[in-house]
Amino acid sequence: MLNRSAFDPRVFHGIAHRGYHDQVSPENSMEAFEKAVAAGLPFECDVHLTKDGQVVISHDSLLKRMTGKEGKIEELTLAELRAGYKLPNGADLPLLKEVLDFVQERVPIVVEIKVVDRNYKAIVAAVLPLLSRIKEKKNISIISFDPRALTRCKKAGFSRGLLIEKNNTWVLMFRGKFDYLDVEDCLVDEPRIVKYRRKGGLVNVWTVDTQEKLAHVKGKVDMITFQHLPLDAVEDAHHG
């Protein structure tokens, strides 16, 4: 087990999934991030790499779901994105740089690196310089489903969480390599994850979006990534 002394999970309790989004403010929008900051909430965001090397925030590589228009971030330049694609509230997909400039370390941020078409080297090379201005390393955590991307972030000094979903539990073989596991809610009772935490490992769970899920994970994890739930209920579960 790695030395966890430099990573305090309390900094990241109650993480707003894709920003503090709702029916008015779309996921991963600047508006959703502004609401997270106003509420004093840590938030998670997802980053992709454009064709011309810009780091854009979006969960999906494919743009249809959030913009209504066909396209793939990795095949478009930033200028093409800005000219032809808008979120449901009419806003642009934000750049990671824009979000960092706005937040100014007022709340912690979890940055999920989305590796597409094996571009883990290129996206990490683009993300880390943007994070180099962060004064307090504890204010940023980097997560990814791709262990290669996380490994390349090691020297940057930020905490790193290995994402695990029910369809990729094979990556548990790397569970001792990073600062914590970031697991799908259906996996909190998986024996290897239970044992990992019992031996001192830290676990975040995603995405808790119902009271039933919240009750199920209570007492079994150290951090909770949530959406569409009252903050007091999440806080109560975190201390459960």
Protein backbone atom coordinates (compact mmCIF):
# COMPACT_ATOMS: atom_id res chain seq x y z
CA MET A 1 0.00 0.00 0.00
CA LEU A 2 1.31 3.46 -0.88
CA ASN A 3 1.97 6.14 1.72
CA ARG A 4 -1.24 8.18 1.74
CA SER A 5 -0.02 10.85 4.17
CA ALA A 6 0.08 13.55 1.48
CA PHE A 7 -3.51 12.95 0.35
CA ASP A 8 -6.39 14.07 2.54
CA PRO A 9 -9.71 12.63 1.29
CA ARG A 10 -11.63 15.15 3.40
CA VAL A 11 -10.65 17.82 0.86
CA PHE A 12 -12.74 15.99 -1.75
CA HIS A 13 -15.84 14.91 0.15
CA GLY A 14 -19.11 15.56 -1.66
CA ILE A 15 -17.77 15.94 -5.22
CA ALA A 16 -20.27 17.48 -7.66
CA HIS A 17 -20.32 15.23 -10.73
CA ARG A 18 -19.57 17.18 -13.94
CA GLY A 19 -20.10 20.36 -11.96
CA TYR A 20 -23.15 21.24 -9.87
CA HIS A 21 -25.43 20.77 -12.85
CA ASP A 22 -29.21 20.74 -13.09
CA GLN A 23 -31.97 21.24 -15.65
CA VAL A 24 -30.89 24.85 -16.16
CA SER A 25 -27.13 24.45 -16.09
CA PRO A 26 -25.83 21.61 -18.32
CA GLU A 27 -23.23 19.12 -17.15
CA ASN A 28 -19.62 20.21 -17.63
CA SER A 29 -20.70 23.77 -18.42
CA MET A 30 -19.13 26.89 -17.02
CA GLU A 31 -22.49 27.64 -15.41
CA ALA A 32 -22.41 24.30 -13.55
CA PHE A 33 -18.88 24.99 -12.34
CA GLU A 34 -19.89 28.49 -11.21
CA LYS A 35 -22.69 26.94 -9.15
CA ALA A 36 -20.26 24.50 -7.55
CA VAL A 37 -17.95 27.33 -6.53
CA ALA A 38 -20.89 29.33 -5.17
CA ALA A 39 -21.88 26.32 -3.05
CA GLY A 40 -18.29 25.70 -1.94
CA LEU A 41 -18.35 22.26 -3.55
CA PRO A 42 -15.44 20.30 -4.99
CA PHE A 43 -16.36 19.26 -8.52
CA GLU A 44 -15.36 16.75 -11.17
CA CYS A 45 -14.88 17.54 -14.84
CA ASP A 46 -13.86 15.50 -17.90
CA VAL A 47 -11.21 16.60 -20.38
CA HIS A 48 -10.61 15.75 -24.03
CA LEU A 49 -7.93 16.83 -26.50
CA THR A 50 -8.91 18.65 -29.68
CA LYS A 51 -7.25 18.08 -33.04
CA ASP A 52 -5.09 21.17 -32.46
CA GLY A 53 -4.06 20.22 -28.93
CA GLN A 54 -6.52 22.23 -26.82
CA VAL A 55 -7.93 20.73 -23.61
CA VAL A 56 -11.73 20.93 -23.72
CA ILE A 57 -14.18 19.91 -21.03
CA SER A 58 -16.81 17.36 -22.05
CA HIS A 59 -17.79 13.92 -20.84
CA ASP A 60 -18.33 12.48 -24.31
CA SER A 61 -15.91 12.46 -27.18
CA LEU A 62 -18.91 12.40 -29.52
CA LEU A 63 -20.78 15.70 -29.44
CA LYS A 64 -24.29 14.64 -30.45
CA ARG A 65 -25.74 14.07 -26.96
CA MET A 66 -24.82 17.46 -25.55
CA THR A 67 -24.87 19.68 -28.65
CA GLY A 68 -27.37 17.96 -30.96
CA LYS A 69 -24.80 17.91 -33.76
CA GLU A 70 -22.58 15.11 -35.03
CA GLY A 71 -18.87 15.45 -34.42
CA LYS A 72 -15.93 14.13 -32.43
CA ILE A 73 -13.78 16.39 -30.28
CA GLU A 74 -10.53 14.69 -31.21
CA GLU A 75 -11.23 15.30 -34.92
CA LEU A 76 -12.06 19.00 -34.59
CA THR A 77 -10.02 22.12 -33.91
CA LEU A 78 -11.02 24.48 -31.13
CA ALA A 79 -12.12 27.03 -33.72
CA GLU A 80 -14.39 24.44 -35.35
CA LEU A 81 -15.84 23.51 -31.95
CA ARG A 82 -16.53 27.11 -31.04
CA ALA A 83 -18.04 27.91 -34.43
CA GLY A 84 -20.34 24.92 -34.75
CA TYR A 85 -21.21 23.41 -31.35
CA LYS A 86 -23.10 24.78 -28.36
CA LEU A 87 -24.35 23.29 -25.11
CA PRO A 88 -28.11 23.26 -24.41
CA ASN A 89 -27.88 26.64 -22.66
CA GLY A 90 -26.18 28.16 -25.71
CA ALA A 91 -22.72 28.23 -24.15
CA ASP A 92 -19.45 26.94 -25.52
CA LEU A 93 -17.77 23.81 -24.25
CA PRO A 94 -15.33 25.34 -21.77
CA LEU A 95 -11.59 24.95 -21.90
CA LEU A 96 -9.83 23.55 -18.86
CA LYS A 97 -7.77 26.74 -18.79
CA GLU A 98 -10.93 28.85 -18.61
CA VAL A 99 -12.27 26.84 -15.70
CA LEU A 100 -8.99 26.99 -13.78
CA ASP A 101 -8.80 30.75 -14.36
CA PHE A 102 -12.32 31.16 -13.01
CA VAL A 103 -12.02 28.87 -9.99
CA GLN A 104 -8.66 30.22 -8.77
CA GLU A 105 -8.38 27.28 -6.33
CA ARG A 106 -11.47 28.38 -4.39
CA VAL A 107 -12.71 24.77 -4.47
CA PRO A 108 -10.90 21.52 -5.24
CA ILE A 109 -11.25 20.04 -8.73
CA VAL A 110 -11.13 16.41 -9.86
CA VAL A 111 -9.89 16.27 -13.47
CA GLU A 112 -10.80 13.12 -15.38
CA ILE A 113 -8.48 12.47 -18.30
CA LYS A 114 -10.42 10.90 -21.16
CA VAL A 115 -8.11 8.80 -23.32
CA VAL A 116 -9.43 8.38 -26.87
CA ASP A 117 -7.72 6.39 -29.63
CA ARG A 118 -4.70 5.74 -27.37
CA ASN A 119 -3.85 9.45 -27.08
CA TYR A 120 -2.78 9.15 -23.44
CA LYS A 121 0.67 10.63 -24.07
CA ALA A 122 -0.64 13.65 -25.95
CA ILE A 123 -3.47 14.51 -23.58
CA VAL A 124 -1.31 14.24 -20.46
CA ALA A 125 1.32 16.41 -22.16
CA ALA A 126 -1.38 19.04 -22.77
CA VAL A 127 -3.07 18.84 -19.35
CA LEU A 128 -0.08 19.00 -17.02
CA PRO A 129 1.22 22.42 -18.15
CA LEU A 130 -2.24 23.87 -17.48
CA LEU A 131 -2.14 22.48 -13.95
CA SER A 132 1.41 23.66 -13.29
CA ARG A 133 0.12 27.03 -12.02
CA ILE A 134 -1.76 25.38 -9.15
CA LYS A 135 -0.23 26.64 -5.89
CA GLU A 136 -1.71 24.02 -3.55
CA LYS A 137 -1.29 20.56 -5.03
CA LYS A 138 -4.03 19.24 -2.76
CA ASN A 139 -6.59 21.31 -4.69
CA ILE A 140 -6.38 19.05 -7.76
CA SER A 141 -6.84 15.32 -8.17
CA ILE A 142 -6.40 13.49 -11.46
CA ILE A 143 -8.46 10.42 -12.34
CA SER A 144 -8.64 8.17 -15.38
CA PHE A 145 -9.75 4.74 -16.52
CA ASP A 146 -6.37 4.47 -18.25
CA PRO A 147 -3.50 3.52 -15.89
CA ARG A 148 -0.99 4.70 -18.50
CA ALA A 149 -2.31 8.26 -18.31
CA LEU A 150 -2.16 8.25 -14.51
CA THR A 151 1.37 6.85 -14.52
CA ARG A 152 2.52 9.71 -16.73
CA CYS A 153 1.11 12.18 -14.18
CA LYS A 154 3.15 10.77 -11.28
CA LYS A 155 5.84 13.45 -11.13
CA ALA A 156 3.31 16.30 -11.24
CA GLY A 157 2.60 15.86 -7.53
CA PHE A 158 -1.20 15.67 -7.65
CA SER A 159 -3.17 12.80 -6.14
CA ARG A 160 -4.28 10.19 -8.66
CA GLY A 161 -7.33 7.96 -8.61
CA LEU A 162 -7.83 4.85 -10.72
CA LEU A 163 -11.33 4.71 -12.17
CA ILE A 164 -13.00 1.30 -12.10
CA GLU A 165 -16.37 0.30 -13.55
CA LYS A 166 -18.08 -3.07 -13.62
CA ASN A 167 -16.84 -3.73 -17.15
CA ASN A 168 -13.14 -3.04 -16.44
CA THR A 169 -12.41 -4.60 -13.06
CA TRP A 170 -9.25 -6.10 -14.57
CA VAL A 171 -7.51 -2.78 -13.79
CA LEU A 172 -7.71 -3.69 -10.11
CA MET A 173 -4.36 -5.35 -10.73
CA PHE A 174 -2.95 -1.79 -10.58
CA ARG A 175 -4.78 -0.85 -7.36
CA GLY A 176 -1.59 -0.39 -5.35
CA LYS A 177 -0.02 2.04 -7.82
CA PHE A 178 -2.16 5.12 -7.18
CA ASP A 179 -3.50 7.21 -4.29
CA TYR A 180 -7.05 5.87 -4.32
CA LEU A 181 -9.63 3.86 -6.21
CA ASP A 182 -12.57 5.63 -7.85
CA VAL A 183 -15.23 2.95 -8.22
CA GLU A 184 -18.68 2.59 -9.71
CA ASP A 185 -21.33 2.40 -6.99
CA CYS A 186 -22.18 -1.23 -7.81
CA LEU A 187 -18.61 -2.25 -6.89
CA VAL A 188 -18.35 -1.02 -3.30
CA ASP A 189 -18.89 -4.58 -2.01
CA GLU A 190 -16.45 -6.19 -4.45
CA PRO A 191 -14.13 -8.29 -2.25
CA ARG A 192 -10.87 -6.88 -3.62
CA ILE A 193 -12.10 -3.31 -3.09
CA VAL A 194 -13.36 -4.07 0.42
CA LYS A 195 -9.99 -5.61 1.29
CA TYR A 196 -8.12 -2.67 -0.27
CA ARG A 197 -9.98 -0.23 1.96
CA ARG A 198 -9.70 -2.42 5.05
CA LYS A 199 -5.92 -2.35 4.63
CA GLY A 200 -5.90 1.45 4.55
CA GLY A 201 -6.64 2.23 0.91
CA LEU A 202 -8.93 5.14 0.06
CA VAL A 203 -12.04 4.75 -2.08
CA ASN A 204 -14.25 7.26 -3.90
CA VAL A 205 -17.58 6.15 -5.35
CA TRP A 206 -19.46 7.41 -8.43
CA THR A 207 -22.06 8.40 -9.42
CA VAL A 208 -24.43 8.49 -6.48
CA ASP A 209 -27.68 9.99 -7.75
CA THR A 210 -30.44 8.38 -5.65
CA GLN A 211 -31.15 8.07 -1.95
CA GLU A 212 -30.98 4.29 -2.37
CA LYS A 213 -27.44 4.43 -3.75
CA LEU A 214 -26.47 6.86 -1.02
CA ALA A 215 -27.73 4.49 1.66
CA HIS A 216 -25.92 1.57 0.05
CA VAL A 217 -22.48 3.24 -0.03
CA LYS A 218 -22.71 4.87 3.40
CA GLY A 219 -19.82 3.79 5.59
CA LYS A 220 -18.13 1.90 2.77
CA VAL A 221 -16.21 4.73 1.06
CA ASP A 222 -14.10 7.78 1.89
CA MET A 223 -15.41 10.16 -0.79
CA ILE A 224 -18.64 10.44 -2.76
CA THR A 225 -19.18 11.81 -6.27
CA PHE A 226 -22.84 12.73 -6.55
CA GLN A 227 -25.49 14.51 -8.58
CA HIS A 228 -29.16 15.48 -8.14
CA LEU A 229 -29.14 14.94 -4.37
CA PRO A 230 -29.54 17.36 -1.43
CA LEU A 231 -26.19 18.43 -0.02
CA ASP A 232 -27.11 17.66 3.58
CA ALA A 233 -27.89 14.03 2.68
CA VAL A 234 -24.53 13.64 0.95
CA GLU A 235 -22.72 15.20 3.90
CA ASP A 236 -24.51 12.87 6.31
CA ALA A 237 -23.58 9.81 4.24
CA HIS A 238 -19.98 10.94 4.02
CA HIS A 239 -19.73 10.94 7.79
CA GLY A 240 -21.65 7.66 8.07
